[in-house]
Amino acid sequence: MFSVYEITQALKIVEDPQVKMTNSEIMTTVLVSMLYFSGNFEKARNFLAGRGYIKKMLSKSRFNRRIRAIGESVWLSLFHLFAEISKRNNLRDYIIGK
């Protein structure tokens, strides 16, 4: 299985050196919200920051802006990869979000 960080590296997503939270951390938070919090970003943000999994969690508004700054093609690539892994492993559960 691949981590979101490895996927962003494979997609050659370039990070601005000044960001407090990487694209892979943003994407991981979104995926955690889909898997465990019914798509509630705020609950996922609080969980990951509160447990120390993501040290420099962004504010709610900045986090939402960063989600939208990640290109649609990146999200589609990520979901296509998950779908392919699920098919190869005969998994029936998927993470689907808007």
PDB file of N, CA and C in Angstrom:
ATOM      1  N   MET A   1       0.853  -1.180   0.000  1.00  0.00           N
ATOM      2  CA  MET A   1       0.000   0.000   0.000  1.00  0.00           C
ATOM      3  C   MET A   1       0.892   1.234   0.000  1.00  0.00           C
ATOM      4  N   PHE A   2       0.428   2.270  -0.637  1.00  0.00           N
ATOM      5  CA  PHE A   2       1.175   3.513  -0.738  1.00  0.00           C
ATOM      6  C   PHE A   2       0.625   4.538   0.235  1.00  0.00           C
ATOM      7  N   SER A   3       1.499   5.426   0.694  1.00  0.00           N
ATOM      8  CA  SER A   3       1.030   6.548   1.499  1.00  0.00           C
ATOM      9  C   SER A   3       0.654   7.692   0.559  1.00  0.00           C
ATOM     10  N   VAL A   4      -0.128   8.622   1.067  1.00  0.00           N
ATOM     11  CA  VAL A   4      -0.513   9.779   0.266  1.00  0.00           C
ATOM     12  C   VAL A   4       0.745  10.571  -0.103  1.00  0.00           C
ATOM     13  N   TYR A   5       1.716  10.631   0.795  1.00  0.00           N
ATOM     14  CA  TYR A   5       2.969  11.327   0.502  1.00  0.00           C
ATOM     15  C   TYR A   5       3.659  10.702  -0.709  1.00  0.00           C
ATOM     16  N   GLU A   6       3.738   9.389  -0.757  1.00  0.00           N
ATOM     17  CA  GLU A   6       4.376   8.714  -1.886  1.00  0.00           C
ATOM     18  C   GLU A   6       3.614   8.970  -3.187  1.00  0.00           C
ATOM     19  N   ILE A   7       2.315   9.032  -3.096  1.00  0.00           N
ATOM     20  CA  ILE A   7       1.494   9.301  -4.280  1.00  0.00           C
ATOM     21  C   ILE A   7       1.743  10.717  -4.789  1.00  0.00           C
ATOM     22  N   THR A   8       1.805  11.698  -3.867  1.00  0.00           N
ATOM     23  CA  THR A   8       2.061  13.072  -4.305  1.00  0.00           C
ATOM     24  C   THR A   8       3.461  13.196  -4.909  1.00  0.00           C
ATOM     25  N   GLN A   9       4.406  12.435  -4.395  1.00  0.00           N
ATOM     26  CA  GLN A   9       5.753  12.442  -4.976  1.00  0.00           C
ATOM     27  C   GLN A   9       5.737  11.841  -6.375  1.00  0.00           C
ATOM     28  N   ALA A  10       5.007  10.743  -6.547  1.00  0.00           N
ATOM     29  CA  ALA A  10       4.916  10.090  -7.862  1.00  0.00           C
ATOM     30  C   ALA A  10       4.224  10.983  -8.882  1.00  0.00           C
ATOM     31  N   LEU A  11       3.251  11.780  -8.425  1.00  0.00           N
ATOM     32  CA  LEU A  11       2.548  12.703  -9.320  1.00  0.00           C
ATOM     33  C   LEU A  11       3.349  13.988  -9.556  1.00  0.00           C
ATOM     34  N   LYS A  12       4.508  14.066  -8.913  1.00  0.00           N
ATOM     35  CA  LYS A  12       5.407  15.224  -9.052  1.00  0.00           C
ATOM     36  C   LYS A  12       4.735  16.542  -8.659  1.00  0.00           C
ATOM     37  N   ILE A  13       4.013  16.501  -7.552  1.00  0.00           N
ATOM     38  CA  ILE A  13       3.371  17.703  -7.033  1.00  0.00           C
ATOM     39  C   ILE A  13       4.436  18.504  -6.285  1.00  0.00           C
ATOM     40  N   VAL A  14       4.643  19.730  -6.722  1.00  0.00           N
ATOM     41  CA  VAL A  14       5.670  20.580  -6.135  1.00  0.00           C
ATOM     42  C   VAL A  14       5.058  21.383  -4.993  1.00  0.00           C
ATOM     43  N   GLU A  15       5.718  21.354  -3.853  1.00  0.00           N
ATOM     44  CA  GLU A  15       5.258  22.097  -2.677  1.00  0.00           C
ATOM     45  C   GLU A  15       5.958  23.454  -2.615  1.00  0.00           C
ATOM     46  N   ASP A  16       5.221  24.456  -2.212  1.00  0.00           N
ATOM     47  CA  ASP A  16       5.826  25.741  -1.909  1.00  0.00           C
ATOM     48  C   ASP A  16       6.610  25.557  -0.603  1.00  0.00           C
ATOM     49  N   PRO A  17       7.853  25.987  -0.540  1.00  0.00           N
ATOM     50  CA  PRO A  17       8.647  25.769   0.682  1.00  0.00           C
ATOM     51  C   PRO A  17       8.119  26.493   1.912  1.00  0.00           C
ATOM     52  N   GLN A  18       7.212  27.447   1.727  1.00  0.00           N
ATOM     53  CA  GLN A  18       6.693  28.211   2.859  1.00  0.00           C
ATOM     54  C   GLN A  18       5.427  27.615   3.480  1.00  0.00           C
ATOM     55  N   VAL A  19       4.887  26.548   2.915  1.00  0.00           N
ATOM     56  CA  VAL A  19       3.637  26.008   3.449  1.00  0.00           C
ATOM     57  C   VAL A  19       3.834  25.446   4.843  1.00  0.00           C
ATOM     58  N   LYS A  20       2.821  25.597   5.671  1.00  0.00           N
ATOM     59  CA  LYS A  20       2.854  25.021   7.017  1.00  0.00           C
ATOM     60  C   LYS A  20       2.361  23.579   7.001  1.00  0.00           C
ATOM     61  N   MET A  21       1.508  23.275   6.043  1.00  0.00           N
ATOM     62  CA  MET A  21       0.919  21.950   5.925  1.00  0.00           C
ATOM     63  C   MET A  21       1.082  21.502   4.475  1.00  0.00           C
ATOM     64  N   THR A  22       1.654  20.322   4.266  1.00  0.00           N
ATOM     65  CA  THR A  22       1.910  19.843   2.910  1.00  0.00           C
ATOM     66  C   THR A  22       0.617  19.389   2.234  1.00  0.00           C
ATOM     67  N   ASN A  23       0.663  19.271   0.914  1.00  0.00           N
ATOM     68  CA  ASN A  23      -0.492  18.756   0.178  1.00  0.00           C
ATOM     69  C   ASN A  23      -0.844  17.351   0.633  1.00  0.00           C
ATOM     70  N   SER A  24       0.148  16.539   0.930  1.00  0.00           N
ATOM     71  CA  SER A  24      -0.152  15.174   1.382  1.00  0.00           C
ATOM     72  C   SER A  24      -0.850  15.190   2.741  1.00  0.00           C
ATOM     73  N   GLU A  25      -0.517  16.142   3.611  1.00  0.00           N
ATOM     74  CA  GLU A  25      -1.223  16.264   4.891  1.00  0.00           C
ATOM     75  C   GLU A  25      -2.656  16.746   4.677  1.00  0.00           C
ATOM     76  N   ILE A  26      -2.834  17.674   3.754  1.00  0.00           N
ATOM     77  CA  ILE A  26      -4.188  18.149   3.425  1.00  0.00           C
ATOM     78  C   ILE A  26      -5.016  16.975   2.909  1.00  0.00           C
ATOM     79  N   MET A  27      -4.453  16.228   1.968  1.00  0.00           N
ATOM     80  CA  MET A  27      -5.173  15.110   1.360  1.00  0.00           C
ATOM     81  C   MET A  27      -5.444  14.009   2.377  1.00  0.00           C
ATOM     82  N   THR A  28      -4.496  13.751   3.256  1.00  0.00           N
ATOM     83  CA  THR A  28      -4.701  12.747   4.298  1.00  0.00           C
ATOM     84  C   THR A  28      -5.846  13.156   5.216  1.00  0.00           C
ATOM     85  N   THR A  29      -5.910  14.429   5.575  1.00  0.00           N
ATOM     86  CA  THR A  29      -6.990  14.915   6.434  1.00  0.00           C
ATOM     87  C   THR A  29      -8.340  14.743   5.749  1.00  0.00           C
ATOM     88  N   VAL A  30      -8.395  15.041   4.459  1.00  0.00           N
ATOM     89  CA  VAL A  30      -9.636  14.851   3.700  1.00  0.00           C
ATOM     90  C   VAL A  30     -10.035  13.375   3.706  1.00  0.00           C
ATOM     91  N   LEU A  31      -9.079  12.488   3.461  1.00  0.00           N
ATOM     92  CA  LEU A  31      -9.384  11.054   3.439  1.00  0.00           C
ATOM     93  C   LEU A  31      -9.829  10.545   4.806  1.00  0.00           C
ATOM     94  N   VAL A  32      -9.190  11.021   5.875  1.00  0.00           N
ATOM     95  CA  VAL A  32      -9.612  10.636   7.230  1.00  0.00           C
ATOM     96  C   VAL A  32     -11.032  11.124   7.485  1.00  0.00           C
ATOM     97  N   SER A  33     -11.343  12.333   7.018  1.00  0.00           N
ATOM     98  CA  SER A  33     -12.708  12.841   7.226  1.00  0.00           C
ATOM     99  C   SER A  33     -13.725  11.972   6.508  1.00  0.00           C
ATOM    100  N   MET A  34     -13.383  11.490   5.305  1.00  0.00           N
ATOM    101  CA  MET A  34     -14.297  10.633   4.547  1.00  0.00           C
ATOM    102  C   MET A  34     -14.450   9.259   5.209  1.00  0.00           C
ATOM    103  N   LEU A  35     -13.342   8.702   5.652  1.00  0.00           N
ATOM    104  CA  LEU A  35     -13.372   7.350   6.228  1.00  0.00           C
ATOM    105  C   LEU A  35     -14.023   7.276   7.605  1.00  0.00           C
ATOM    106  N   TYR A  36     -13.719   8.246   8.458  1.00  0.00           N
ATOM    107  CA  TYR A  36     -14.092   8.113   9.866  1.00  0.00           C
ATOM    108  C   TYR A  36     -15.093   9.151  10.381  1.00  0.00           C
ATOM    109  N   PHE A  37     -15.290  10.252   9.628  1.00  0.00           N
ATOM    110  CA  PHE A  37     -16.120  11.329  10.146  1.00  0.00           C
ATOM    111  C   PHE A  37     -17.196  11.772   9.154  1.00  0.00           C
ATOM    112  N   SER A  38     -17.637  10.880   8.288  1.00  0.00           N
ATOM    113  CA  SER A  38     -18.708  11.150   7.320  1.00  0.00           C
ATOM    114  C   SER A  38     -18.462  12.422   6.510  1.00  0.00           C
ATOM    115  N   GLY A  39     -17.209  12.681   6.193  1.00  0.00           N
ATOM    116  CA  GLY A  39     -16.864  13.849   5.385  1.00  0.00           C
ATOM    117  C   GLY A  39     -16.774  15.147   6.150  1.00  0.00           C
ATOM    118  N   ASN A  40     -16.823  15.090   7.470  1.00  0.00           N
ATOM    119  CA  ASN A  40     -16.752  16.305   8.286  1.00  0.00           C
ATOM    120  C   ASN A  40     -15.288  16.694   8.471  1.00  0.00           C
ATOM    121  N   PHE A  41     -14.848  17.702   7.703  1.00  0.00           N
ATOM    122  CA  PHE A  41     -13.456  18.130   7.759  1.00  0.00           C
ATOM    123  C   PHE A  41     -13.064  18.648   9.132  1.00  0.00           C
ATOM    124  N   GLU A  42     -13.968  19.358   9.784  1.00  0.00           N
ATOM    125  CA  GLU A  42     -13.661  19.950  11.078  1.00  0.00           C
ATOM    126  C   GLU A  42     -13.355  18.874  12.124  1.00  0.00           C
ATOM    127  N   LYS A  43     -14.131  17.800  12.139  1.00  0.00           N
ATOM    128  CA  LYS A  43     -13.871  16.704  13.087  1.00  0.00           C
ATOM    129  C   LYS A  43     -12.546  16.034  12.782  1.00  0.00           C
ATOM    130  N   ALA A  44     -12.245  15.843  11.505  1.00  0.00           N
ATOM    131  CA  ALA A  44     -10.971  15.231  11.123  1.00  0.00           C
ATOM    132  C   ALA A  44      -9.806  16.138  11.494  1.00  0.00           C
ATOM    133  N   ARG A  45      -9.948  17.442  11.245  1.00  0.00           N
ATOM    134  CA  ARG A  45      -8.900  18.396  11.622  1.00  0.00           C
ATOM    135  C   ARG A  45      -8.632  18.345  13.116  1.00  0.00           C
ATOM    136  N   ASN A  46      -9.707  18.387  13.903  1.00  0.00           N
ATOM    137  CA  ASN A  46      -9.546  18.360  15.362  1.00  0.00           C
ATOM    138  C   ASN A  46      -8.926  17.053  15.835  1.00  0.00           C
ATOM    139  N   PHE A  47      -9.350  15.942  15.258  1.00  0.00           N
ATOM    140  CA  PHE A  47      -8.811  14.641  15.637  1.00  0.00           C
ATOM    141  C   PHE A  47      -7.311  14.552  15.345  1.00  0.00           C
ATOM    142  N   LEU A  48      -6.928  14.866  14.105  1.00  0.00           N
ATOM    143  CA  LEU A  48      -5.526  14.725  13.697  1.00  0.00           C
ATOM    144  C   LEU A  48      -4.615  15.707  14.427  1.00  0.00           C
ATOM    145  N   ALA A  49      -5.086  16.920  14.648  1.00  0.00           N
ATOM    146  CA  ALA A  49      -4.287  17.907  15.383  1.00  0.00           C
ATOM    147  C   ALA A  49      -4.226  17.559  16.868  1.00  0.00           C
ATOM    148  N   GLY A  50      -5.363  17.174  17.425  1.00  0.00           N
ATOM    149  CA  GLY A  50      -5.433  16.852  18.850  1.00  0.00           C
ATOM    150  C   GLY A  50      -4.591  15.658  19.248  1.00  0.00           C
ATOM    151  N   ARG A  51      -4.466  14.699  18.351  1.00  0.00           N
ATOM    152  CA  ARG A  51      -3.664  13.507  18.631  1.00  0.00           C
ATOM    153  C   ARG A  51      -2.193  13.696  18.235  1.00  0.00           C
ATOM    154  N   GLY A  52      -1.881  14.835  17.639  1.00  0.00           N
ATOM    155  CA  GLY A  52      -0.502  15.124  17.260  1.00  0.00           C
ATOM    156  C   GLY A  52      -0.057  14.473  15.969  1.00  0.00           C
ATOM    157  N   TYR A  53      -1.005  13.959  15.178  1.00  0.00           N
ATOM    158  CA  TYR A  53      -0.633  13.347  13.898  1.00  0.00           C
ATOM    159  C   TYR A  53      -0.191  14.402  12.888  1.00  0.00           C
ATOM    160  N   ILE A  54      -0.822  15.569  12.936  1.00  0.00           N
ATOM    161  CA  ILE A  54      -0.428  16.688  12.084  1.00  0.00           C
ATOM    162  C   ILE A  54      -0.125  17.850  13.017  1.00  0.00           C
ATOM    163  N   LYS A  55       1.136  18.215  13.059  1.00  0.00           N
ATOM    164  CA  LYS A  55       1.615  19.189  14.046  1.00  0.00           C
ATOM    165  C   LYS A  55       1.147  20.618  13.778  1.00  0.00           C
ATOM    166  N   LYS A  56       1.105  21.015  12.506  1.00  0.00           N
ATOM    167  CA  LYS A  56       0.772  22.400  12.175  1.00  0.00           C
ATOM    168  C   LYS A  56      -0.512  22.461  11.366  1.00  0.00           C
ATOM    169  N   MET A  57      -1.621  22.131  12.012  1.00  0.00           N
ATOM    170  CA  MET A  57      -2.921  22.133  11.343  1.00  0.00           C
ATOM    171  C   MET A  57      -3.338  23.569  11.020  1.00  0.00           C
ATOM    172  N   LEU A  58      -3.839  23.768   9.825  1.00  0.00           N
ATOM    173  CA  LEU A  58      -4.289  25.084   9.388  1.00  0.00           C
ATOM    174  C   LEU A  58      -5.644  25.426   9.994  1.00  0.00           C
ATOM    175  N   SER A  59      -5.971  26.711   9.962  1.00  0.00           N
ATOM    176  CA  SER A  59      -7.302  27.139  10.400  1.00  0.00           C
ATOM    177  C   SER A  59      -8.332  26.570   9.425  1.00  0.00           C
ATOM    178  N   LYS A  60      -9.582  26.601   9.838  1.00  0.00           N
ATOM    179  CA  LYS A  60     -10.655  26.042   9.015  1.00  0.00           C
ATOM    180  C   LYS A  60     -10.703  26.691   7.629  1.00  0.00           C
ATOM    181  N   SER A  61     -10.662  28.008   7.572  1.00  0.00           N
ATOM    182  CA  SER A  61     -10.782  28.685   6.280  1.00  0.00           C
ATOM    183  C   SER A  61      -9.552  28.452   5.401  1.00  0.00           C
ATOM    184  N   ARG A  62      -8.370  28.491   5.975  1.00  0.00           N
ATOM    185  CA  ARG A  62      -7.153  28.263   5.192  1.00  0.00           C
ATOM    186  C   ARG A  62      -7.104  26.809   4.707  1.00  0.00           C
ATOM    187  N   PHE A  63      -7.542  25.887   5.561  1.00  0.00           N
ATOM    188  CA  PHE A  63      -7.592  24.476   5.178  1.00  0.00           C
ATOM    189  C   PHE A  63      -8.518  24.297   3.967  1.00  0.00           C
ATOM    190  N   ASN A  64      -9.702  24.906   4.009  1.00  0.00           N
ATOM    191  CA  ASN A  64     -10.649  24.803   2.893  1.00  0.00           C
ATOM    192  C   ASN A  64     -10.081  25.406   1.610  1.00  0.00           C
ATOM    193  N   ARG A  65      -9.356  26.516   1.720  1.00  0.00           N
ATOM    194  CA  ARG A  65      -8.728  27.110   0.540  1.00  0.00           C
ATOM    195  C   ARG A  65      -7.667  26.182  -0.040  1.00  0.00           C
ATOM    196  N   ARG A  66      -6.922  25.524   0.840  1.00  0.00           N
ATOM    197  CA  ARG A  66      -5.872  24.611   0.365  1.00  0.00           C
ATOM    198  C   ARG A  66      -6.461  23.375  -0.314  1.00  0.00           C
ATOM    199  N   ILE A  67      -7.597  22.893   0.179  1.00  0.00           N
ATOM    200  CA  ILE A  67      -8.258  21.752  -0.471  1.00  0.00           C
ATOM    201  C   ILE A  67      -8.592  22.123  -1.908  1.00  0.00           C
ATOM    202  N   ARG A  68      -9.172  23.296  -2.083  1.00  0.00           N
ATOM    203  CA  ARG A  68      -9.577  23.722  -3.419  1.00  0.00           C
ATOM    204  C   ARG A  68      -8.394  24.066  -4.315  1.00  0.00           C
ATOM    205  N   ALA A  69      -7.245  24.346  -3.716  1.00  0.00           N
ATOM    206  CA  ALA A  69      -6.048  24.660  -4.501  1.00  0.00           C
ATOM    207  C   ALA A  69      -5.409  23.403  -5.101  1.00  0.00           C
ATOM    208  N   ILE A  70      -5.729  22.252  -4.525  1.00  0.00           N
ATOM    209  CA  ILE A  70      -5.214  20.993  -5.077  1.00  0.00           C
ATOM    210  C   ILE A  70      -6.044  20.697  -6.324  1.00  0.00           C
ATOM    211  N   GLY A  71      -5.383  20.528  -7.422  1.00  0.00           N
ATOM    212  CA  GLY A  71      -6.068  20.362  -8.696  1.00  0.00           C
ATOM    213  C   GLY A  71      -6.976  19.147  -8.762  1.00  0.00           C
ATOM    214  N   GLU A  72      -8.036  19.288  -9.540  1.00  0.00           N
ATOM    215  CA  GLU A  72      -8.992  18.194  -9.713  1.00  0.00           C
ATOM    216  C   GLU A  72      -8.305  16.949 -10.260  1.00  0.00           C
ATOM    217  N   SER A  73      -7.329  17.143 -11.131  1.00  0.00           N
ATOM    218  CA  SER A  73      -6.635  15.996 -11.718  1.00  0.00           C
ATOM    219  C   SER A  73      -5.876  15.200 -10.656  1.00  0.00           C
ATOM    220  N   VAL A  74      -5.379  15.877  -9.629  1.00  0.00           N
ATOM    221  CA  VAL A  74      -4.677  15.181  -8.535  1.00  0.00           C
ATOM    222  C   VAL A  74      -5.656  14.317  -7.757  1.00  0.00           C
ATOM    223  N   TRP A  75      -6.819  14.903  -7.414  1.00  0.00           N
ATOM    224  CA  TRP A  75      -7.840  14.138  -6.687  1.00  0.00           C
ATOM    225  C   TRP A  75      -8.319  12.940  -7.510  1.00  0.00           C
ATOM    226  N   LEU A  76      -8.548  13.166  -8.801  1.00  0.00           N
ATOM    227  CA  LEU A  76      -8.993  12.070  -9.657  1.00  0.00           C
ATOM    228  C   LEU A  76      -7.939  10.976  -9.748  1.00  0.00           C
ATOM    229  N   SER A  77      -6.684  11.358  -9.856  1.00  0.00           N
ATOM    230  CA  SER A  77      -5.601  10.361  -9.894  1.00  0.00           C
ATOM    231  C   SER A  77      -5.571   9.543  -8.613  1.00  0.00           C
ATOM    232  N   LEU A  78      -5.753  10.221  -7.489  1.00  0.00           N
ATOM    233  CA  LEU A  78      -5.755   9.536  -6.198  1.00  0.00           C
ATOM    234  C   LEU A  78      -6.909   8.539  -6.115  1.00  0.00           C
ATOM    235  N   PHE A  79      -8.111   8.961  -6.507  1.00  0.00           N
ATOM    236  CA  PHE A  79      -9.265   8.073  -6.424  1.00  0.00           C
ATOM    237  C   PHE A  79      -9.190   6.938  -7.441  1.00  0.00           C
ATOM    238  N   HIS A  80      -8.626   7.205  -8.613  1.00  0.00           N
ATOM    239  CA  HIS A  80      -8.432   6.127  -9.595  1.00  0.00           C
ATOM    240  C   HIS A  80      -7.440   5.089  -9.073  1.00  0.00           C
ATOM    241  N   LEU A  81      -6.400   5.561  -8.405  1.00  0.00           N
ATOM    242  CA  LEU A  81      -5.427   4.642  -7.815  1.00  0.00           C
ATOM    243  C   LEU A  81      -6.087   3.779  -6.739  1.00  0.00           C
ATOM    244  N   PHE A  82      -6.884   4.403  -5.870  1.00  0.00           N
ATOM    245  CA  PHE A  82      -7.595   3.642  -4.838  1.00  0.00           C
ATOM    246  C   PHE A  82      -8.545   2.624  -5.463  1.00  0.00           C
ATOM    247  N   ALA A  83      -9.237   3.023  -6.520  1.00  0.00           N
ATOM    248  CA  ALA A  83     -10.164   2.108  -7.193  1.00  0.00           C
ATOM    249  C   ALA A  83      -9.410   0.921  -7.777  1.00  0.00           C
ATOM    250  N   GLU A  84      -8.262   1.186  -8.383  1.00  0.00           N
ATOM    251  CA  GLU A  84      -7.467   0.105  -8.971  1.00  0.00           C
ATOM    252  C   GLU A  84      -6.954  -0.852  -7.897  1.00  0.00           C
ATOM    253  N   ILE A  85      -6.483  -0.304  -6.790  1.00  0.00           N
ATOM    254  CA  ILE A  85      -6.011  -1.146  -5.683  1.00  0.00           C
ATOM    255  C   ILE A  85      -7.161  -1.988  -5.140  1.00  0.00           C
ATOM    256  N   SER A  86      -8.330  -1.374  -4.998  1.00  0.00           N
ATOM    257  CA  SER A  86      -9.500  -2.090  -4.488  1.00  0.00           C
ATOM    258  C   SER A  86      -9.906  -3.222  -5.431  1.00  0.00           C
ATOM    259  N   LYS A  87      -9.884  -2.958  -6.744  1.00  0.00           N
ATOM    260  CA  LYS A  87     -10.235  -4.003  -7.712  1.00  0.00           C
ATOM    261  C   LYS A  87      -9.249  -5.163  -7.641  1.00  0.00           C
ATOM    262  N   ARG A  88      -7.975  -4.819  -7.572  1.00  0.00           N
ATOM    263  CA  ARG A  88      -6.944  -5.877  -7.539  1.00  0.00           C
ATOM    264  C   ARG A  88      -7.009  -6.717  -6.274  1.00  0.00           C
ATOM    265  N   ASN A  89      -7.488  -6.114  -5.203  1.00  0.00           N
ATOM    266  CA  ASN A  89      -7.569  -6.835  -3.926  1.00  0.00           C
ATOM    267  C   ASN A  89      -8.982  -7.303  -3.609  1.00  0.00           C
ATOM    268  N   ASN A  90      -9.882  -7.208  -4.574  1.00  0.00           N
ATOM    269  CA  ASN A  90     -11.279  -7.607  -4.399  1.00  0.00           C
ATOM    270  C   ASN A  90     -11.946  -6.935  -3.205  1.00  0.00           C
ATOM    271  N   LEU A  91     -11.643  -5.661  -3.011  1.00  0.00           N
ATOM    272  CA  LEU A  91     -12.274  -4.911  -1.934  1.00  0.00           C
ATOM    273  C   LEU A  91     -13.563  -4.288  -2.451  1.00  0.00           C
ATOM    274  N   ARG A  92     -14.576  -4.209  -1.601  1.00  0.00           N
ATOM    275  CA  ARG A  92     -15.859  -3.683  -2.040  1.00  0.00           C
ATOM    276  C   ARG A  92     -16.145  -2.301  -1.472  1.00  0.00           C
ATOM    277  N   ASP A  93     -15.344  -1.830  -0.524  1.00  0.00           N
ATOM    278  CA  ASP A  93     -15.582  -0.519   0.087  1.00  0.00           C
ATOM    279  C   ASP A  93     -14.697   0.529  -0.565  1.00  0.00           C
ATOM    280  N   TYR A  94     -15.280   1.680  -0.843  1.00  0.00           N
ATOM    281  CA  TYR A  94     -14.564   2.772  -1.452  1.00  0.00           C
ATOM    282  C   TYR A  94     -14.781   4.034  -0.641  1.00  0.00           C
ATOM    283  N   ILE A  95     -13.855   4.961  -0.761  1.00  0.00           N
ATOM    284  CA  ILE A  95     -14.023   6.303  -0.191  1.00  0.00           C
ATOM    285  C   ILE A  95     -14.498   7.168  -1.341  1.00  0.00           C
ATOM    286  N   ILE A  96     -15.658   7.773  -1.180  1.00  0.00           N
ATOM    287  CA  ILE A  96     -16.179   8.623  -2.235  1.00  0.00           C
ATOM    288  C   ILE A  96     -16.553   9.961  -1.615  1.00  0.00           C
ATOM    289  N   GLY A  97     -16.097  11.039  -2.211  1.00  0.00           N
ATOM    290  CA  GLY A  97     -16.424  12.362  -1.705  1.00  0.00           C
ATOM    291  C   GLY A  97     -16.580  13.346  -2.833  1.00  0.00           C
ATOM    292  N   LYS A  98     -17.141  14.461  -2.523  1.00  0.00           N
ATOM    293  CA  LYS A  98     -17.315  15.516  -3.518  1.00  0.00           C
ATOM    294  C   LYS A  98     -16.258  16.568  -3.314  1.00  0.00           C
TER     295      LYS A  98
END
